[in-house]
Amino acid sequence: MRQRDVEAYAQCSRERLAEWLQGVAGPAPLAHKDDNLEIYDSAFGRVSIAFPFGEGRFASLYFTGPERPWDTDVDLARRLAADLGVTIRCDPGEAYPQVDRLSPVFLEIEGRRESLIAWP
């Protein structure tokens, strides 16, 4: 089922996520920037990159528009892991129905390995 918005957390710099975004979505001009947030207007709609997150090691990539090619957080996370080769975390969502929606459990993807972790 298609989520309203998708988000994943990458263990890399905001600059690297912005470069990745430009590579998959084409030109994405910066629409807003402050100390911990950048918002881009892309072919996939508005995209936010927030940093730092999770002990300062992760940056959040958040798509709000329906134009994006990923239906779920997990779809986006798998693509990021494949393209960037870094640790990615996301809400496991419906891909892991055994996980309570309100729990602090996240899906962590490293290479082709996926595991469920507690992430406060």
Protein backbone atom coordinates (compact mmCIF):
# COMPACT_ATOMS: atom_id res chain seq x y z
CA MET A 1 0.00 0.00 0.00
CA ARG A 2 1.29 3.47 -0.90
CA GLN A 3 2.17 5.67 2.06
CA ARG A 4 1.19 9.35 2.08
CA ASP A 5 4.84 10.32 2.58
CA VAL A 6 8.11 8.41 2.89
CA GLU A 7 11.19 8.92 5.05
CA ALA A 8 14.50 7.20 5.65
CA TYR A 9 17.62 8.02 7.65
CA ALA A 10 21.05 7.69 6.05
CA GLN A 11 24.36 7.52 7.87
CA CYS A 12 25.96 10.13 5.65
CA SER A 13 26.19 13.88 5.19
CA ARG A 14 23.35 16.08 4.03
CA GLU A 15 25.52 17.03 1.05
CA ARG A 16 25.71 13.41 -0.04
CA LEU A 17 21.92 13.03 0.23
CA ALA A 18 21.41 16.24 -1.77
CA GLU A 19 23.74 14.92 -4.50
CA TRP A 20 21.85 11.63 -4.54
CA LEU A 21 18.54 13.49 -4.84
CA GLN A 22 19.83 15.50 -7.81
CA GLY A 23 20.99 12.24 -9.41
CA VAL A 24 17.63 10.47 -9.17
CA ALA A 25 15.24 13.43 -9.51
CA GLY A 26 17.19 15.77 -11.77
CA PRO A 27 17.61 19.44 -10.89
CA ALA A 28 16.17 20.16 -7.46
CA PRO A 29 16.62 23.79 -6.46
CA LEU A 30 17.03 24.63 -2.79
CA ALA A 31 13.79 26.29 -1.63
CA HIS A 32 14.64 26.80 2.05
CA LYS A 33 17.62 26.37 4.35
CA ASP A 34 18.24 26.88 8.04
CA ASP A 35 20.64 25.39 10.58
CA ASN A 36 19.29 21.83 10.50
CA LEU A 37 16.98 21.65 7.48
CA GLU A 38 17.11 21.97 3.72
CA ILE A 39 14.00 21.80 1.53
CA TYR A 40 14.25 21.11 -2.19
CA ASP A 41 11.70 21.45 -4.98
CA SER A 42 12.19 18.34 -7.10
CA ALA A 43 10.47 16.35 -9.82
CA PHE A 44 9.24 14.20 -6.91
CA GLY A 45 7.69 17.17 -5.08
CA ARG A 46 9.01 18.80 -1.93
CA VAL A 47 11.87 16.92 -0.31
CA SER A 48 13.35 17.72 3.11
CA ILE A 49 16.79 16.81 4.36
CA ALA A 50 17.13 17.24 8.13
CA PHE A 51 20.39 16.84 10.02
CA PRO A 52 21.85 15.79 12.35
CA PHE A 53 19.59 13.01 13.57
CA GLY A 54 20.18 10.00 15.83
CA GLU A 55 23.29 10.90 17.78
CA GLY A 56 24.34 13.23 14.97
CA ARG A 57 25.27 10.41 12.62
CA PHE A 58 22.22 10.29 10.37
CA ALA A 59 20.45 12.65 8.01
CA SER A 60 16.72 12.32 7.32
CA LEU A 61 15.37 12.30 3.77
CA TYR A 62 11.62 13.02 3.67
CA PHE A 63 9.40 13.01 0.56
CA THR A 64 5.93 14.53 0.87
CA GLY A 65 4.72 14.54 -2.73
CA PRO A 66 2.80 11.76 -4.51
CA GLU A 67 5.14 12.01 -7.52
CA ARG A 68 7.90 9.94 -5.94
CA PRO A 69 8.75 6.44 -7.27
CA TRP A 70 8.78 4.72 -3.83
CA ASP A 71 5.57 3.53 -2.21
CA THR A 72 6.92 2.95 1.30
CA ASP A 73 9.71 3.93 3.67
CA VAL A 74 11.21 0.48 3.13
CA ASP A 75 11.24 0.92 -0.68
CA LEU A 76 13.09 4.22 -0.30
CA ALA A 77 15.50 2.78 2.29
CA ARG A 78 16.39 -0.17 0.07
CA ARG A 79 17.12 2.16 -2.84
CA LEU A 80 19.26 4.44 -0.67
CA ALA A 81 21.21 1.48 0.73
CA ALA A 82 21.89 0.14 -2.76
CA ASP A 83 22.89 3.51 -4.20
CA LEU A 84 24.84 5.01 -1.30
CA GLY A 85 26.36 1.92 0.32
CA VAL A 86 25.80 3.30 3.82
CA THR A 87 23.65 2.27 6.78
CA ILE A 88 20.01 3.23 6.29
CA ARG A 89 17.21 3.15 8.86
CA CYS A 90 13.46 3.52 8.43
CA ASP A 91 10.10 2.62 9.91
CA PRO A 92 9.54 -1.05 9.02
CA GLY A 93 5.86 -0.40 8.30
CA GLU A 94 3.72 -3.07 6.68
CA ALA A 95 6.77 -4.91 5.35
CA TYR A 96 7.26 -6.18 8.93
CA PRO A 97 3.74 -6.68 10.33
CA GLN A 98 5.08 -8.22 13.54
CA VAL A 99 6.42 -4.80 14.62
CA ASP A 100 4.03 -2.66 16.66
CA ARG A 101 3.49 0.69 14.90
CA LEU A 102 4.17 2.59 18.15
CA SER A 103 7.35 0.76 19.10
CA PRO A 104 10.86 2.25 18.81
CA VAL A 105 11.84 -0.54 16.40
CA PHE A 106 13.39 0.47 13.08
CA LEU A 107 14.55 -1.45 10.06
CA GLU A 108 18.29 -1.14 9.54
CA ILE A 109 19.74 -1.93 6.11
CA GLU A 110 23.45 -2.46 5.61
CA GLY A 111 24.27 -3.71 2.13
CA ARG A 112 21.82 -6.53 1.51
CA ARG A 113 21.34 -7.33 5.21
CA GLU A 114 18.14 -6.16 6.87
CA SER A 115 17.57 -6.32 10.62
CA LEU A 116 15.16 -4.90 13.13
CA ILE A 117 16.75 -2.74 15.83
CA ALA A 118 15.65 -0.62 18.78
CA TRP A 119 16.44 2.99 17.94
CA PRO A 120 15.42 5.58 20.52
